[in-house]
Amino acid sequence: MPMYEFTCKDCEVKFEELVFTTADEVACPRCKSTRVAKHLSTFAVGASGASSGGAQYDGCASGSCCSGGSCGF
């Protein structure tokens, strides 16, 4: 069940909705309008293997294995 983000074209409220099928009609929770625009959720976007520049868990390949809880994972 994918979660989608929507913006109401009538009252401009932004909201999230679980959509079971493409035939499901989505309505604004504030004004009940069905004139909504679907947006790509940013949490669902990512690149496999890409580095974000932050610390990454290396599976204990470096030998540290978070001993003493110092690695932050």
C-alpha atoms as a PDB file:
ATOM      1  CA  MET A   1       0.000   0.000   0.000  1.00  0.00           C
ATOM      2  CA  PRO A   2       1.888   3.057  -1.187  1.00  0.00           C
ATOM      3  CA  MET A   3       1.686   6.358   0.669  1.00  0.00           C
ATOM      4  CA  TYR A   4       1.280   9.381  -1.584  1.00  0.00           C
ATOM      5  CA  GLU A   5       1.442  13.107  -0.895  1.00  0.00           C
ATOM      6  CA  PHE A   6      -1.275  15.335  -2.320  1.00  0.00           C
ATOM      7  CA  THR A   7      -2.118  19.018  -2.554  1.00  0.00           C
ATOM      8  CA  CYS A   8      -5.732  20.107  -2.806  1.00  0.00           C
ATOM      9  CA  LYS A   9      -6.293  22.346  -5.839  1.00  0.00           C
ATOM     10  CA  ASP A  10      -9.191  24.113  -4.100  1.00  0.00           C
ATOM     11  CA  CYS A  11      -7.973  24.913  -0.556  1.00  0.00           C
ATOM     12  CA  GLU A  12      -4.218  24.190  -1.118  1.00  0.00           C
ATOM     13  CA  VAL A  13      -3.865  21.948   1.955  1.00  0.00           C
ATOM     14  CA  LYS A  14      -1.105  19.314   1.724  1.00  0.00           C
ATOM     15  CA  PHE A  15      -1.842  15.807   3.014  1.00  0.00           C
ATOM     16  CA  GLU A  16      -0.776  12.159   2.769  1.00  0.00           C
ATOM     17  CA  GLU A  17      -3.016   9.254   1.827  1.00  0.00           C
ATOM     18  CA  LEU A  18      -2.653   5.476   1.566  1.00  0.00           C
ATOM     19  CA  VAL A  19      -3.812   4.478  -1.915  1.00  0.00           C
ATOM     20  CA  PHE A  20      -4.783   0.854  -2.400  1.00  0.00           C
ATOM     21  CA  THR A  21      -5.449   0.952  -6.170  1.00  0.00           C
ATOM     22  CA  THR A  22      -5.210   3.514  -8.944  1.00  0.00           C
ATOM     23  CA  ALA A  23      -9.032   3.512  -9.070  1.00  0.00           C
ATOM     24  CA  ASP A  24      -9.284   4.898  -5.510  1.00  0.00           C
ATOM     25  CA  GLU A  25     -10.638   8.437  -5.441  1.00  0.00           C
ATOM     26  CA  VAL A  26      -8.702  10.694  -3.090  1.00  0.00           C
ATOM     27  CA  ALA A  27     -10.484  13.569  -1.342  1.00  0.00           C
ATOM     28  CA  CYS A  28      -9.064  16.483   0.618  1.00  0.00           C
ATOM     29  CA  PRO A  29      -9.508  15.959   4.375  1.00  0.00           C
ATOM     30  CA  ARG A  30     -10.314  19.671   4.896  1.00  0.00           C
ATOM     31  CA  CYS A  31     -12.752  20.603   2.104  1.00  0.00           C
ATOM     32  CA  LYS A  32     -13.579  17.122   0.712  1.00  0.00           C
ATOM     33  CA  SER A  33     -12.693  18.210  -2.837  1.00  0.00           C
ATOM     34  CA  THR A  34     -11.479  15.491  -5.211  1.00  0.00           C
ATOM     35  CA  ARG A  35      -9.475  18.030  -7.235  1.00  0.00           C
ATOM     36  CA  VAL A  36      -6.060  17.010  -5.896  1.00  0.00           C
ATOM     37  CA  ALA A  37      -2.526  16.834  -7.307  1.00  0.00           C
ATOM     38  CA  LYS A  38      -0.365  13.808  -6.481  1.00  0.00           C
ATOM     39  CA  HIS A  39       3.315  14.376  -5.630  1.00  0.00           C
ATOM     40  CA  LEU A  40       6.303  12.062  -5.433  1.00  0.00           C
ATOM     41  CA  SER A  41       7.141  11.342  -1.796  1.00  0.00           C
ATOM     42  CA  THR A  42      10.749  12.273  -1.082  1.00  0.00           C
ATOM     43  CA  PHE A  43      11.229   9.456   1.442  1.00  0.00           C
ATOM     44  CA  ALA A  44      10.696   6.927  -1.367  1.00  0.00           C
ATOM     45  CA  VAL A  45      13.465   8.348  -3.536  1.00  0.00           C
ATOM     46  CA  GLY A  46      17.038   7.124  -3.133  1.00  0.00           C
ATOM     47  CA  ALA A  47      20.039   5.792  -4.966  1.00  0.00           C
ATOM     48  CA  SER A  48      21.438   2.379  -4.176  1.00  0.00           C
ATOM     49  CA  GLY A  49      25.040   2.539  -3.049  1.00  0.00           C
ATOM     50  CA  ALA A  50      25.248   6.322  -3.237  1.00  0.00           C
ATOM     51  CA  SER A  51      27.031   8.170  -0.490  1.00  0.00           C
ATOM     52  CA  SER A  52      25.320  11.065   1.217  1.00  0.00           C
ATOM     53  CA  GLY A  53      28.608  12.309   2.630  1.00  0.00           C
ATOM     54  CA  GLY A  54      27.788  11.162   6.157  1.00  0.00           C
ATOM     55  CA  ALA A  55      29.028   8.231   8.196  1.00  0.00           C
ATOM     56  CA  GLN A  56      28.049   4.847   6.821  1.00  0.00           C
ATOM     57  CA  TYR A  57      27.945   1.482   8.529  1.00  0.00           C
ATOM     58  CA  ASP A  58      30.555  -0.773   6.924  1.00  0.00           C
ATOM     59  CA  GLY A  59      29.417  -4.089   8.401  1.00  0.00           C
ATOM     60  CA  CYS A  60      32.351  -4.119  10.844  1.00  0.00           C
ATOM     61  CA  ALA A  61      34.841  -4.323   7.984  1.00  0.00           C
ATOM     62  CA  SER A  62      36.943  -1.680   9.712  1.00  0.00           C
ATOM     63  CA  GLY A  63      37.044  -3.771  12.898  1.00  0.00           C
ATOM     64  CA  SER A  64      35.374  -1.143  15.089  1.00  0.00           C
ATOM     65  CA  CYS A  65      31.897  -2.779  15.284  1.00  0.00           C
ATOM     66  CA  CYS A  66      30.630   0.073  17.462  1.00  0.00           C
ATOM     67  CA  SER A  67      32.447  -1.164  20.536  1.00  0.00           C
ATOM     68  CA  GLY A  68      31.410   0.999  23.433  1.00  0.00           C
ATOM     69  CA  GLY A  69      28.572   2.516  21.414  1.00  0.00           C
ATOM     70  CA  SER A  70      30.821   5.170  19.851  1.00  0.00           C
ATOM     71  CA  CYS A  71      29.803   4.756  16.205  1.00  0.00           C
ATOM     72  CA  GLY A  72      26.264   6.153  16.469  1.00  0.00           C
ATOM     73  CA  PHE A  73      24.469   3.209  14.870  1.00  0.00           C
END
